[in-house]
């Protein structure tokens, strides 16, 4: 019996050592930009239907509500019309005219919780100016049909068949920071969106 207990204790020690030697978990910020089937991965910060400005902090690995004067930042407008987040392993570095953050993306679909990673299909890009700086918003839909609420084939199809949704998204981004805060540059198609993603992609895991 004593020998069995010693053997069992040795096994537990070995398991603990092996667990400690495992490679650290990859941060969501550093996950692959593209899926194996060519979809674009998205990390959701703000679920569709929320007004809370939630952001991922790479230094802590946590999703937190942004603060203004010590209080949670809440968008003083209609809630987000889609799941809003970023594309992992992208960085719009300032040396090349970016804003220093990961590429923003809005996913039109069923609302999913903060921290969810989605495979998506870009259908266009909305270009805005924020304080005279170019601000690109990639627009996409989930590749999972159970999460889709619309299913455009491309940007042209989105503009024609879902023109009301196209208009609502444009007006939302034009007004969510207050009247006159954002300037419309224009829309671009799905090919431009993919080129933007490739342009700002840092690494592929």
N, C-alpha and C. Protein backbone atom coordinates (compact mmCIF):
# COMPACT_ATOMS: atom_id res chain seq x y z
N UNK A 1 0.83 -1.20 0.00
CA UNK A 1 0.00 0.00 0.00
C UNK A 1 0.87 1.25 0.00
N UNK A 2 1.97 1.21 0.80
CA UNK A 2 2.87 2.36 0.88
C UNK A 2 3.52 2.62 -0.47
N UNK A 3 3.93 1.54 -1.15
CA UNK A 3 4.56 1.69 -2.46
C UNK A 3 3.59 2.28 -3.48
N UNK A 4 2.31 1.89 -3.39
CA UNK A 4 1.30 2.42 -4.31
C UNK A 4 1.13 3.93 -4.11
N UNK A 5 1.11 4.36 -2.84
CA UNK A 5 0.94 5.79 -2.54
C UNK A 5 2.13 6.59 -3.06
N UNK A 6 3.33 6.02 -2.90
CA UNK A 6 4.52 6.70 -3.41
C UNK A 6 4.47 6.82 -4.93
N UNK A 7 4.02 5.74 -5.58
CA UNK A 7 3.91 5.74 -7.04
C UNK A 7 2.88 6.78 -7.50
N UNK A 8 1.76 6.87 -6.79
CA UNK A 8 0.71 7.83 -7.11
C UNK A 8 1.21 9.25 -6.93
N UNK A 9 1.92 9.50 -5.83
CA UNK A 9 2.47 10.83 -5.57
C UNK A 9 3.48 11.23 -6.63
N UNK A 10 4.32 10.28 -7.06
CA UNK A 10 5.29 10.54 -8.12
C UNK A 10 4.59 10.92 -9.42
N UNK A 11 3.49 10.22 -9.72
CA UNK A 11 2.74 10.52 -10.94
C UNK A 11 2.17 11.93 -10.92
N UNK A 12 1.65 12.35 -9.76
CA UNK A 12 1.10 13.71 -9.62
C UNK A 12 2.19 14.75 -9.83
N UNK A 13 3.37 14.51 -9.23
CA UNK A 13 4.50 15.45 -9.37
C UNK A 13 4.90 15.59 -10.84
N UNK A 14 4.97 14.46 -11.56
CA UNK A 14 5.34 14.49 -12.98
C UNK A 14 4.33 15.28 -13.79
N UNK A 15 3.04 15.09 -13.50
CA UNK A 15 1.99 15.83 -14.22
C UNK A 15 2.10 17.33 -13.98
N UNK A 16 2.38 17.73 -12.74
CA UNK A 16 2.54 19.16 -12.41
C UNK A 16 3.72 19.76 -13.15
N UNK A 17 4.83 19.03 -13.19
CA UNK A 17 6.03 19.52 -13.88
C UNK A 17 5.77 19.69 -15.37
N UNK A 18 5.08 18.70 -15.96
CA UNK A 18 4.77 18.76 -17.40
C UNK A 18 3.85 19.93 -17.71
N UNK A 19 2.90 20.17 -16.81
CA UNK A 19 1.97 21.28 -17.03
C UNK A 19 2.70 22.61 -16.98
N UNK A 20 3.66 22.72 -16.08
CA UNK A 20 4.43 23.97 -15.94
C UNK A 20 5.30 24.23 -17.16
N UNK A 21 5.70 23.14 -17.84
CA UNK A 21 6.59 23.29 -18.99
C UNK A 21 5.84 23.54 -20.29
N UNK A 22 4.50 23.48 -20.25
CA UNK A 22 3.74 23.71 -21.47
C UNK A 22 3.94 25.14 -21.96
N UNK A 23 3.90 25.32 -23.27
CA UNK A 23 4.09 26.66 -23.83
C UNK A 23 2.94 27.55 -23.41
N UNK A 24 3.19 28.85 -23.14
CA UNK A 24 2.15 29.76 -22.69
C UNK A 24 1.06 29.92 -23.73
N UNK A 25 -0.16 30.15 -23.23
CA UNK A 25 -1.30 30.32 -24.12
C UNK A 25 -1.12 31.58 -24.98
N UNK A 26 -1.44 31.46 -26.27
CA UNK A 26 -1.30 32.59 -27.17
C UNK A 26 -2.37 33.63 -26.86
N UNK A 27 -1.98 34.87 -26.72
CA UNK A 27 -2.92 35.96 -26.48
C UNK A 27 -3.87 36.08 -27.66
N UNK A 28 -5.13 36.48 -27.38
CA UNK A 28 -6.08 36.66 -28.48
C UNK A 28 -5.60 37.73 -29.44
N UNK A 29 -4.76 38.64 -28.92
CA UNK A 29 -4.22 39.71 -29.75
C UNK A 29 -3.24 39.17 -30.79
N UNK A 30 -2.67 37.97 -30.51
CA UNK A 30 -1.64 37.41 -31.37
C UNK A 30 -2.12 36.17 -32.14
N UNK A 31 -3.40 35.88 -32.09
CA UNK A 31 -3.91 34.75 -32.85
C UNK A 31 -3.79 35.02 -34.35
N UNK A 32 -4.00 33.99 -35.14
CA UNK A 32 -3.87 34.13 -36.58
C UNK A 32 -4.91 35.09 -37.13
N UNK A 33 -4.51 35.85 -38.15
CA UNK A 33 -5.43 36.77 -38.81
C UNK A 33 -6.44 36.01 -39.65
N UNK A 34 -5.97 35.00 -40.38
CA UNK A 34 -6.82 34.23 -41.28
C UNK A 34 -7.03 32.81 -40.77
N UNK A 35 -8.22 32.26 -41.04
CA UNK A 35 -8.49 30.87 -40.72
C UNK A 35 -7.89 29.98 -41.81
N UNK A 36 -7.89 28.68 -41.58
CA UNK A 36 -7.33 27.74 -42.56
C UNK A 36 -8.13 27.73 -43.86
N UNK A 37 -9.39 28.14 -43.80
CA UNK A 37 -10.23 28.16 -44.99
C UNK A 37 -10.31 29.54 -45.63
N UNK A 38 -9.49 30.48 -45.15
CA UNK A 38 -9.43 31.80 -45.77
C UNK A 38 -10.33 32.85 -45.16
N UNK A 39 -11.07 32.49 -44.11
CA UNK A 39 -11.88 33.48 -43.41
C UNK A 39 -11.00 34.41 -42.58
N UNK A 40 -11.58 35.50 -42.13
CA UNK A 40 -10.86 36.47 -41.30
C UNK A 40 -11.32 36.32 -39.86
N UNK A 41 -10.37 36.13 -38.96
CA UNK A 41 -10.71 35.97 -37.56
C UNK A 41 -10.97 37.34 -36.91
N UNK A 42 -11.93 37.35 -36.01
CA UNK A 42 -12.30 38.57 -35.30
C UNK A 42 -12.44 38.26 -33.82
N UNK A 43 -11.89 39.12 -32.98
CA UNK A 43 -12.08 39.04 -31.54
C UNK A 43 -13.10 40.11 -31.17
N UNK A 44 -14.23 39.68 -30.62
CA UNK A 44 -15.32 40.60 -30.29
C UNK A 44 -15.06 41.27 -28.94
N UNK A 45 -15.06 42.59 -28.96
CA UNK A 45 -14.96 43.36 -27.73
C UNK A 45 -16.34 43.81 -27.26
N UNK A 46 -17.14 44.34 -28.20
CA UNK A 46 -18.45 44.89 -27.87
C UNK A 46 -19.53 44.08 -28.58
N UNK A 47 -20.40 43.40 -27.83
CA UNK A 47 -21.47 42.63 -28.49
C UNK A 47 -22.47 43.54 -29.19
N UNK A 48 -23.08 43.03 -30.24
CA UNK A 48 -24.15 43.76 -30.90
C UNK A 48 -25.24 44.08 -29.88
N UNK A 49 -25.74 45.32 -29.94
CA UNK A 49 -26.81 45.72 -29.02
C UNK A 49 -26.33 46.34 -27.73
N UNK A 50 -25.01 46.50 -27.56
CA UNK A 50 -24.46 47.11 -26.33
C UNK A 50 -24.02 48.55 -26.60
N UNK A 51 -24.05 49.36 -25.55
CA UNK A 51 -23.53 50.74 -25.63
C UNK A 51 -22.22 50.90 -24.88
N UNK A 52 -21.78 49.86 -24.18
CA UNK A 52 -20.57 49.96 -23.37
C UNK A 52 -19.33 49.81 -24.24
N UNK A 53 -18.39 50.76 -24.09
CA UNK A 53 -17.16 50.77 -24.87
C UNK A 53 -16.14 49.86 -24.20
N UNK A 54 -16.19 48.58 -24.56
CA UNK A 54 -15.31 47.57 -23.98
C UNK A 54 -14.10 47.40 -24.88
N UNK A 55 -12.91 47.31 -24.27
CA UNK A 55 -11.67 47.18 -25.03
C UNK A 55 -10.82 46.06 -24.45
N UNK A 56 -10.06 45.41 -25.32
CA UNK A 56 -9.12 44.38 -24.89
C UNK A 56 -7.78 45.03 -24.55
N UNK A 57 -7.22 44.67 -23.40
CA UNK A 57 -5.93 45.19 -22.97
C UNK A 57 -4.87 44.10 -23.12
N UNK A 58 -4.00 44.22 -24.15
CA UNK A 58 -2.99 43.17 -24.38
C UNK A 58 -2.05 42.97 -23.20
N UNK A 59 -1.81 44.03 -22.41
CA UNK A 59 -0.86 43.91 -21.30
C UNK A 59 -1.39 43.04 -20.16
N UNK A 60 -2.72 43.01 -20.00
CA UNK A 60 -3.31 42.20 -18.93
C UNK A 60 -4.09 41.00 -19.46
N UNK A 61 -4.40 41.01 -20.77
CA UNK A 61 -5.20 39.93 -21.35
C UNK A 61 -6.65 39.98 -20.92
N UNK A 62 -7.11 41.16 -20.50
CA UNK A 62 -8.49 41.30 -20.03
C UNK A 62 -9.29 42.25 -20.91
N UNK A 63 -10.60 42.03 -20.91
CA UNK A 63 -11.54 42.92 -21.58
C UNK A 63 -12.14 43.83 -20.51
N UNK A 64 -11.97 45.13 -20.67
CA UNK A 64 -12.45 46.07 -19.65
C UNK A 64 -13.23 47.20 -20.31
N UNK A 65 -14.13 47.77 -19.53
CA UNK A 65 -14.88 48.94 -20.01
C UNK A 65 -13.95 50.15 -19.95
N UNK A 66 -13.83 50.84 -21.07
CA UNK A 66 -13.04 52.06 -21.12
C UNK A 66 -13.61 53.06 -20.12
N UNK A 67 -12.74 53.92 -19.58
CA UNK A 67 -13.17 54.87 -18.55
C UNK A 67 -13.01 56.31 -19.03
N UNK A 68 -13.92 57.16 -18.58
CA UNK A 68 -13.81 58.61 -18.75
C UNK A 68 -14.12 59.23 -17.39
N UNK A 69 -13.14 59.96 -16.84
CA UNK A 69 -13.28 60.57 -15.51
C UNK A 69 -13.65 59.53 -14.45
N UNK A 70 -13.06 58.34 -14.59
CA UNK A 70 -13.28 57.29 -13.60
C UNK A 70 -14.57 56.51 -13.75
N UNK A 71 -15.37 56.85 -14.75
CA UNK A 71 -16.65 56.16 -14.96
C UNK A 71 -16.61 55.38 -16.27
N UNK A 72 -17.39 54.28 -16.30
CA UNK A 72 -17.46 53.48 -17.52
C UNK A 72 -17.91 54.34 -18.69
N UNK A 73 -17.20 54.20 -19.81
CA UNK A 73 -17.58 54.93 -21.01
C UNK A 73 -18.74 54.21 -21.68
N UNK A 74 -19.84 54.93 -21.85
CA UNK A 74 -21.03 54.40 -22.50
C UNK A 74 -21.36 55.30 -23.68
N UNK A 75 -21.53 54.70 -24.86
CA UNK A 75 -21.83 55.47 -26.06
C UNK A 75 -23.20 56.13 -25.92
N UNK A 76 -23.25 57.45 -26.04
CA UNK A 76 -24.49 58.21 -25.88
C UNK A 76 -25.23 58.28 -27.22
N UNK A 77 -25.62 57.10 -27.68
CA UNK A 77 -26.29 57.00 -28.97
C UNK A 77 -26.97 55.65 -29.03
N UNK A 78 -27.50 55.26 -30.18
CA UNK A 78 -28.06 53.93 -30.33
C UNK A 78 -26.98 52.87 -30.12
N UNK A 79 -27.33 51.66 -29.67
CA UNK A 79 -26.32 50.63 -29.43
C UNK A 79 -25.63 50.18 -30.71
N UNK A 80 -24.50 49.51 -30.54
CA UNK A 80 -23.73 49.03 -31.69
C UNK A 80 -24.59 48.13 -32.58
N UNK A 81 -24.59 48.38 -33.90
CA UNK A 81 -25.44 47.61 -34.82
C UNK A 81 -24.86 46.26 -35.23
N UNK A 82 -23.76 45.88 -34.65
CA UNK A 82 -23.12 44.60 -34.93
C UNK A 82 -22.09 44.31 -33.86
N UNK A 83 -21.47 43.16 -33.92
CA UNK A 83 -20.40 42.81 -32.98
C UNK A 83 -19.13 43.56 -33.40
N UNK A 84 -18.60 44.36 -32.48
CA UNK A 84 -17.47 45.22 -32.81
C UNK A 84 -16.21 44.72 -32.10
N UNK A 85 -15.11 44.69 -32.86
CA UNK A 85 -13.88 44.24 -32.25
C UNK A 85 -12.69 44.51 -33.14
N UNK A 86 -11.70 43.61 -33.08
CA UNK A 86 -10.48 43.81 -33.85
C UNK A 86 -10.05 42.52 -34.52
N UNK A 87 -9.19 42.67 -35.52
CA UNK A 87 -8.64 41.52 -36.23
C UNK A 87 -7.28 41.20 -35.62
N UNK A 88 -7.11 40.02 -35.03
CA UNK A 88 -5.85 39.70 -34.36
C UNK A 88 -4.66 39.69 -35.30
N UNK A 89 -3.50 39.95 -34.73
CA UNK A 89 -2.22 40.00 -35.47
C UNK A 89 -2.21 41.05 -36.57
N UNK A 90 -3.01 42.11 -36.38
CA UNK A 90 -2.91 43.28 -37.25
C UNK A 90 -2.49 44.46 -36.39
N UNK A 91 -1.76 45.38 -37.00
CA UNK A 91 -1.33 46.58 -36.30
C UNK A 91 -1.19 47.71 -37.32
N UNK A 92 -1.99 48.74 -37.13
CA UNK A 92 -1.92 49.90 -38.01
C UNK A 92 -0.83 50.83 -37.46
N UNK A 93 0.42 50.46 -37.73
CA UNK A 93 1.54 51.20 -37.14
C UNK A 93 1.59 52.63 -37.67
N UNK A 94 1.94 53.52 -36.75
CA UNK A 94 1.92 54.95 -37.06
C UNK A 94 2.97 55.34 -38.10
N UNK A 95 4.05 54.55 -38.20
CA UNK A 95 5.09 54.85 -39.19
C UNK A 95 4.55 54.76 -40.62
N UNK A 96 3.47 54.00 -40.79
CA UNK A 96 2.87 53.85 -42.12
C UNK A 96 1.51 54.55 -42.22
N UNK A 97 1.27 55.47 -41.30
CA UNK A 97 0.05 56.26 -41.37
C UNK A 97 -1.12 55.69 -40.59
N UNK A 98 -0.89 54.66 -39.78
CA UNK A 98 -1.97 54.07 -38.99
C UNK A 98 -2.17 54.79 -37.67
N UNK A 99 -3.13 54.27 -36.88
CA UNK A 99 -3.43 54.91 -35.60
C UNK A 99 -2.78 54.20 -34.41
N UNK A 100 -1.98 53.17 -34.69
CA UNK A 100 -1.27 52.47 -33.61
C UNK A 100 -2.05 51.33 -32.98
N UNK A 101 -3.24 51.05 -33.49
CA UNK A 101 -4.08 49.99 -32.94
C UNK A 101 -4.29 48.87 -33.96
N UNK A 102 -4.91 47.79 -33.50
CA UNK A 102 -5.31 46.72 -34.42
C UNK A 102 -6.44 47.22 -35.31
N UNK A 103 -6.64 46.55 -36.42
CA UNK A 103 -7.66 46.96 -37.39
C UNK A 103 -9.06 46.68 -36.84
N UNK A 104 -9.92 47.71 -36.88
CA UNK A 104 -11.29 47.61 -36.37
C UNK A 104 -12.19 46.88 -37.36
N UNK A 105 -13.19 46.20 -36.82
CA UNK A 105 -14.13 45.47 -37.69
C UNK A 105 -15.50 45.39 -37.02
N UNK A 106 -16.54 45.53 -37.83
CA UNK A 106 -17.92 45.36 -37.38
C UNK A 106 -18.48 44.13 -38.06
N UNK A 107 -18.98 43.19 -37.27
CA UNK A 107 -19.54 41.94 -37.81
C UNK A 107 -21.05 41.99 -37.67
N UNK A 108 -21.75 42.04 -38.80
CA UNK A 108 -23.21 42.08 -38.79
C UNK A 108 -23.72 40.66 -38.59
N UNK A 109 -24.36 40.41 -37.44
CA UNK A 109 -24.84 39.07 -37.16
C UNK A 109 -25.45 39.00 -35.78
N UNK A 110 -25.81 37.79 -35.37
CA UNK A 110 -26.33 37.57 -34.03
C UNK A 110 -25.32 38.04 -32.99
N UNK A 111 -25.81 38.64 -31.90
CA UNK A 111 -24.91 39.10 -30.85
C UNK A 111 -24.21 37.95 -30.16
N UNK A 112 -22.91 38.12 -29.90
CA UNK A 112 -22.12 37.11 -29.19
C UNK A 112 -21.39 37.78 -28.03
N UNK A 113 -21.01 37.03 -27.00
CA UNK A 113 -20.39 37.64 -25.82
C UNK A 113 -19.00 38.23 -26.10
N UNK A 114 -18.62 39.17 -25.27
CA UNK A 114 -17.27 39.74 -25.30
C UNK A 114 -16.24 38.62 -25.15
N UNK A 115 -15.19 38.68 -25.98
CA UNK A 115 -14.14 37.66 -25.94
C UNK A 115 -14.32 36.54 -26.93
N UNK A 116 -15.47 36.50 -27.61
CA UNK A 116 -15.71 35.47 -28.61
C UNK A 116 -14.81 35.69 -29.83
N UNK A 117 -14.25 34.61 -30.36
CA UNK A 117 -13.50 34.67 -31.61
C UNK A 117 -14.38 34.12 -32.73
N UNK A 118 -14.57 34.93 -33.77
CA UNK A 118 -15.45 34.56 -34.87
C UNK A 118 -14.66 34.45 -36.17
N UNK A 119 -15.04 33.49 -37.01
CA UNK A 119 -14.55 33.45 -38.39
C UNK A 119 -15.53 34.26 -39.24
N UNK A 120 -15.01 35.17 -40.04
CA UNK A 120 -15.88 36.09 -40.78
C UNK A 120 -15.49 36.20 -42.24
N UNK A 121 -16.42 36.80 -43.00
CA UNK A 121 -16.21 37.09 -44.41
C UNK A 121 -16.39 38.60 -44.62
N UNK A 122 -15.32 39.34 -44.91
CA UNK A 122 -15.45 40.77 -45.15
C UNK A 122 -16.30 41.05 -46.40
N UNK A 123 -17.18 42.04 -46.29
CA UNK A 123 -18.03 42.40 -47.44
C UNK A 123 -17.81 43.86 -47.86
N UNK A 124 -16.93 44.57 -47.16
CA UNK A 124 -16.67 45.96 -47.54
C UNK A 124 -15.88 46.68 -46.47
N UNK A 125 -15.66 47.95 -46.70
CA UNK A 125 -14.95 48.80 -45.76
C UNK A 125 -15.55 50.20 -45.79
N UNK A 126 -15.77 50.76 -44.60
CA UNK A 126 -16.27 52.12 -44.47
C UNK A 126 -15.11 53.01 -44.05
N UNK A 127 -14.81 54.01 -44.86
CA UNK A 127 -13.70 54.91 -44.57
C UNK A 127 -14.22 56.23 -44.03
N UNK A 128 -13.68 56.61 -42.86
CA UNK A 128 -14.09 57.83 -42.18
C UNK A 128 -12.86 58.63 -41.82
N UNK A 129 -13.08 59.88 -41.44
CA UNK A 129 -12.02 60.70 -40.87
C UNK A 129 -12.43 61.10 -39.46
N UNK A 130 -11.53 60.82 -38.53
CA UNK A 130 -11.74 61.14 -37.13
C UNK A 130 -10.61 62.07 -36.69
N UNK A 131 -10.97 63.32 -36.40
CA UNK A 131 -9.94 64.33 -36.09
C UNK A 131 -8.90 64.42 -37.20
N UNK A 132 -9.38 64.43 -38.44
CA UNK A 132 -8.54 64.54 -39.63
C UNK A 132 -7.63 63.34 -39.87
N UNK A 133 -7.84 62.24 -39.13
CA UNK A 133 -7.08 61.02 -39.35
C UNK A 133 -7.98 59.96 -39.97
N UNK A 134 -7.46 59.23 -40.96
CA UNK A 134 -8.24 58.20 -41.63
C UNK A 134 -8.57 57.06 -40.66
N UNK A 135 -9.83 56.69 -40.61
CA UNK A 135 -10.31 55.65 -39.71
C UNK A 135 -11.09 54.63 -40.53
N UNK A 136 -10.48 53.45 -40.76
CA UNK A 136 -11.11 52.42 -41.58
C UNK A 136 -11.86 51.43 -40.71
N UNK A 137 -13.09 51.12 -41.10
CA UNK A 137 -13.89 50.11 -40.41
C UNK A 137 -14.19 48.98 -41.41
N UNK A 138 -13.65 47.82 -41.16
CA UNK A 138 -13.97 46.66 -42.00
C UNK A 138 -15.37 46.19 -41.62
N UNK A 139 -16.19 45.89 -42.62
CA UNK A 139 -17.55 45.39 -42.39
C UNK A 139 -17.59 43.93 -42.86
N UNK A 140 -18.14 43.05 -42.02
CA UNK A 140 -18.11 41.62 -42.33
C UNK A 140 -19.37 40.92 -41.84
N UNK A 141 -19.52 39.67 -42.25
CA UNK A 141 -20.57 38.80 -41.74
C UNK A 141 -19.91 37.52 -41.23
N UNK A 142 -20.55 36.80 -40.29
CA UNK A 142 -19.97 35.53 -39.83
C UNK A 142 -20.01 34.48 -40.93
N UNK A 143 -19.02 33.61 -40.95
CA UNK A 143 -19.07 32.50 -41.90
C UNK A 143 -20.03 31.41 -41.43
N UNK A 144 -20.29 31.37 -40.13
CA UNK A 144 -21.24 30.41 -39.56
C UNK A 144 -22.65 30.87 -39.90
N UNK A 145 -23.36 30.10 -40.70
CA UNK A 145 -24.69 30.50 -41.17
C UNK A 145 -25.70 30.66 -40.02
N UNK A 146 -25.47 29.97 -38.90
CA UNK A 146 -26.40 30.08 -37.77
C UNK A 146 -26.29 31.43 -37.07
N UNK A 147 -25.21 32.16 -37.34
CA UNK A 147 -25.03 33.49 -36.73
C UNK A 147 -25.34 34.62 -37.70
N UNK A 148 -25.64 34.27 -38.95
CA UNK A 148 -25.92 35.29 -39.96
C UNK A 148 -27.33 35.84 -39.83
N UNK A 149 -27.46 37.15 -40.05
CA UNK A 149 -28.79 37.78 -40.15
C UNK A 149 -29.01 38.31 -41.57
N UNK A 150 -27.91 38.50 -42.30
CA UNK A 150 -27.94 38.82 -43.73
C UNK A 150 -26.87 37.97 -44.40
N UNK A 151 -27.00 37.77 -45.71
CA UNK A 151 -26.02 36.94 -46.39
C UNK A 151 -25.66 37.49 -47.77
N UNK A 152 -25.06 38.70 -47.81
CA UNK A 152 -24.64 39.24 -49.11
C UNK A 152 -23.43 38.49 -49.65
N UNK A 153 -23.36 38.34 -50.97
CA UNK A 153 -22.23 37.65 -51.60
C UNK A 153 -20.98 38.53 -51.60
N UNK A 154 -21.19 39.85 -51.75
CA UNK A 154 -20.07 40.79 -51.84
C UNK A 154 -20.60 42.20 -51.53
N UNK A 155 -19.74 43.20 -51.73
CA UNK A 155 -20.17 44.56 -51.41
C UNK A 155 -21.32 45.03 -52.27
N UNK A 156 -21.27 44.74 -53.56
CA UNK A 156 -22.34 45.17 -54.46
C UNK A 156 -23.68 44.58 -54.04
N UNK A 157 -23.66 43.31 -53.68
CA UNK A 157 -24.88 42.64 -53.23
C UNK A 157 -25.38 43.25 -51.92
N UNK A 158 -24.46 43.58 -51.03
CA UNK A 158 -24.79 44.24 -49.77
C UNK A 158 -25.45 45.59 -50.03
N UNK A 159 -24.88 46.37 -50.93
CA UNK A 159 -25.40 47.70 -51.24
C UNK A 159 -26.78 47.63 -51.90
N UNK A 160 -26.98 46.65 -52.75
CA UNK A 160 -28.25 46.56 -53.49
C UNK A 160 -29.35 45.90 -52.65
N UNK A 161 -29.06 44.70 -52.13
CA UNK A 161 -30.11 43.94 -51.44
C UNK A 161 -30.36 44.42 -50.01
N UNK A 162 -29.31 44.98 -49.38
CA UNK A 162 -29.44 45.40 -47.99
C UNK A 162 -29.10 46.89 -47.86
N UNK A 163 -29.65 47.67 -48.76
CA UNK A 163 -29.30 49.08 -48.81
C UNK A 163 -29.66 49.81 -47.52
N UNK A 164 -30.79 49.44 -46.90
CA UNK A 164 -31.19 50.08 -45.65
C UNK A 164 -30.17 49.81 -44.55
N UNK A 165 -29.68 48.56 -44.46
CA UNK A 165 -28.67 48.21 -43.47
C UNK A 165 -27.37 48.97 -43.76
N UNK A 166 -27.01 49.06 -45.03
CA UNK A 166 -25.83 49.81 -45.47
C UNK A 166 -25.94 51.26 -44.98
N UNK A 167 -27.10 51.86 -45.16
CA UNK A 167 -27.32 53.26 -44.76
C UNK A 167 -27.28 53.41 -43.24
N UNK A 168 -27.91 52.47 -42.53
CA UNK A 168 -27.94 52.54 -41.06
C UNK A 168 -26.53 52.47 -40.48
N UNK A 169 -25.71 51.56 -40.99
CA UNK A 169 -24.34 51.42 -40.49
C UNK A 169 -23.54 52.70 -40.74
N UNK A 170 -23.69 53.25 -41.94
CA UNK A 170 -23.00 54.51 -42.25
C UNK A 170 -23.43 55.61 -41.30
N UNK A 171 -24.72 55.77 -41.10
CA UNK A 171 -25.23 56.84 -40.24
C UNK A 171 -24.85 56.62 -38.78
N UNK A 172 -24.78 55.35 -38.37
CA UNK A 172 -24.40 55.07 -36.99
C UNK A 172 -22.97 55.54 -36.73
N UNK A 173 -22.05 55.16 -37.60
CA UNK A 173 -20.66 55.56 -37.41
C UNK A 173 -20.47 57.07 -37.59
N UNK A 174 -21.32 57.69 -38.38
CA UNK A 174 -21.21 59.14 -38.57
C UNK A 174 -21.69 59.92 -37.35
N UNK A 175 -22.46 59.27 -36.47
CA UNK A 175 -23.09 60.01 -35.37
C UNK A 175 -22.80 59.50 -33.97
N UNK A 176 -22.16 58.33 -33.83
CA UNK A 176 -22.02 57.76 -32.48
C UNK A 176 -21.10 58.56 -31.57
N UNK A 177 -20.24 59.39 -32.13
CA UNK A 177 -19.37 60.25 -31.32
C UNK A 177 -19.92 61.66 -31.21
N UNK A 178 -21.11 61.87 -31.76
CA UNK A 178 -21.70 63.20 -31.73
C UNK A 178 -21.78 63.80 -33.12
N UNK A 179 -22.70 64.70 -33.30
CA UNK A 179 -22.93 65.31 -34.60
C UNK A 179 -21.70 66.08 -35.07
N UNK A 180 -21.23 65.74 -36.29
CA UNK A 180 -20.10 66.45 -36.88
C UNK A 180 -18.73 65.96 -36.45
N UNK A 181 -18.67 64.94 -35.57
CA UNK A 181 -17.37 64.46 -35.09
C UNK A 181 -16.64 63.64 -36.13
N UNK A 182 -17.40 62.94 -36.97
CA UNK A 182 -16.81 62.08 -37.99
C UNK A 182 -17.11 62.62 -39.39
N UNK A 183 -16.15 62.43 -40.28
CA UNK A 183 -16.32 62.86 -41.68
C UNK A 183 -16.32 61.62 -42.58
N UNK A 184 -17.29 61.55 -43.48
CA UNK A 184 -17.39 60.41 -44.38
C UNK A 184 -16.42 60.56 -45.55
N UNK A 185 -15.59 59.53 -45.76
CA UNK A 185 -14.70 59.48 -46.92
C UNK A 185 -15.36 58.66 -48.01
N UNK A 186 -15.94 57.51 -47.64
CA UNK A 186 -16.65 56.69 -48.61
C UNK A 186 -16.57 55.21 -48.31
N UNK A 187 -17.24 54.43 -49.11
CA UNK A 187 -17.23 52.98 -48.99
C UNK A 187 -16.27 52.36 -50.00
N UNK A 188 -15.75 51.20 -49.67
CA UNK A 188 -14.93 50.42 -50.57
C UNK A 188 -15.43 48.98 -50.57
N UNK A 189 -15.07 48.21 -51.61
CA UNK A 189 -15.60 46.86 -51.74
C UNK A 189 -14.81 45.84 -50.91
N UNK A 190 -15.22 44.58 -51.04
CA UNK A 190 -14.62 43.50 -50.26
C UNK A 190 -13.15 43.26 -50.62
N UNK A 191 -12.78 43.53 -51.85
CA UNK A 191 -11.38 43.36 -52.26
C UNK A 191 -10.49 44.38 -51.55
N UNK A 192 -10.98 45.61 -51.46
CA UNK A 192 -10.23 46.63 -50.74
C UNK A 192 -10.10 46.24 -49.26
N UNK A 193 -11.19 45.71 -48.70
CA UNK A 193 -11.16 45.30 -47.29
C UNK A 193 -10.08 44.25 -47.05
N UNK A 194 -10.01 43.25 -47.92
CA UNK A 194 -8.99 42.20 -47.77
C UNK A 194 -7.58 42.76 -47.95
N UNK A 195 -7.41 43.71 -48.87
CA UNK A 195 -6.11 44.34 -49.07
C UNK A 195 -5.68 45.12 -47.83
N UNK A 196 -6.65 45.78 -47.18
CA UNK A 196 -6.35 46.51 -45.94
C UNK A 196 -5.91 45.54 -44.85
N UNK A 197 -6.60 44.41 -44.74
CA UNK A 197 -6.26 43.43 -43.72
C UNK A 197 -4.85 42.89 -43.96
N UNK A 198 -4.56 42.55 -45.20
CA UNK A 198 -3.23 42.03 -45.54
C UNK A 198 -2.15 43.08 -45.31
N UNK A 199 -2.48 44.33 -45.61
CA UNK A 199 -1.53 45.43 -45.44
C UNK A 199 -1.07 45.57 -43.98
N UNK A 200 -2.01 45.41 -43.05
CA UNK A 200 -1.70 45.65 -41.64
C UNK A 200 -1.43 44.37 -40.85
N UNK A 201 -1.42 43.22 -41.53
CA UNK A 201 -1.14 41.96 -40.83
C UNK A 201 0.33 41.89 -40.45
N UNK A 202 0.60 41.57 -39.20
CA UNK A 202 1.97 41.48 -38.71
C UNK A 202 2.57 40.10 -38.92
N UNK A 203 1.90 39.08 -38.41
CA UNK A 203 2.43 37.71 -38.49
C UNK A 203 1.29 36.75 -38.72
N UNK A 204 1.62 35.56 -39.16
CA UNK A 204 0.66 34.48 -39.26
C UNK A 204 1.13 33.33 -38.40
N UNK A 205 0.28 32.91 -37.46
CA UNK A 205 0.64 31.82 -36.55
C UNK A 205 0.37 30.48 -37.20
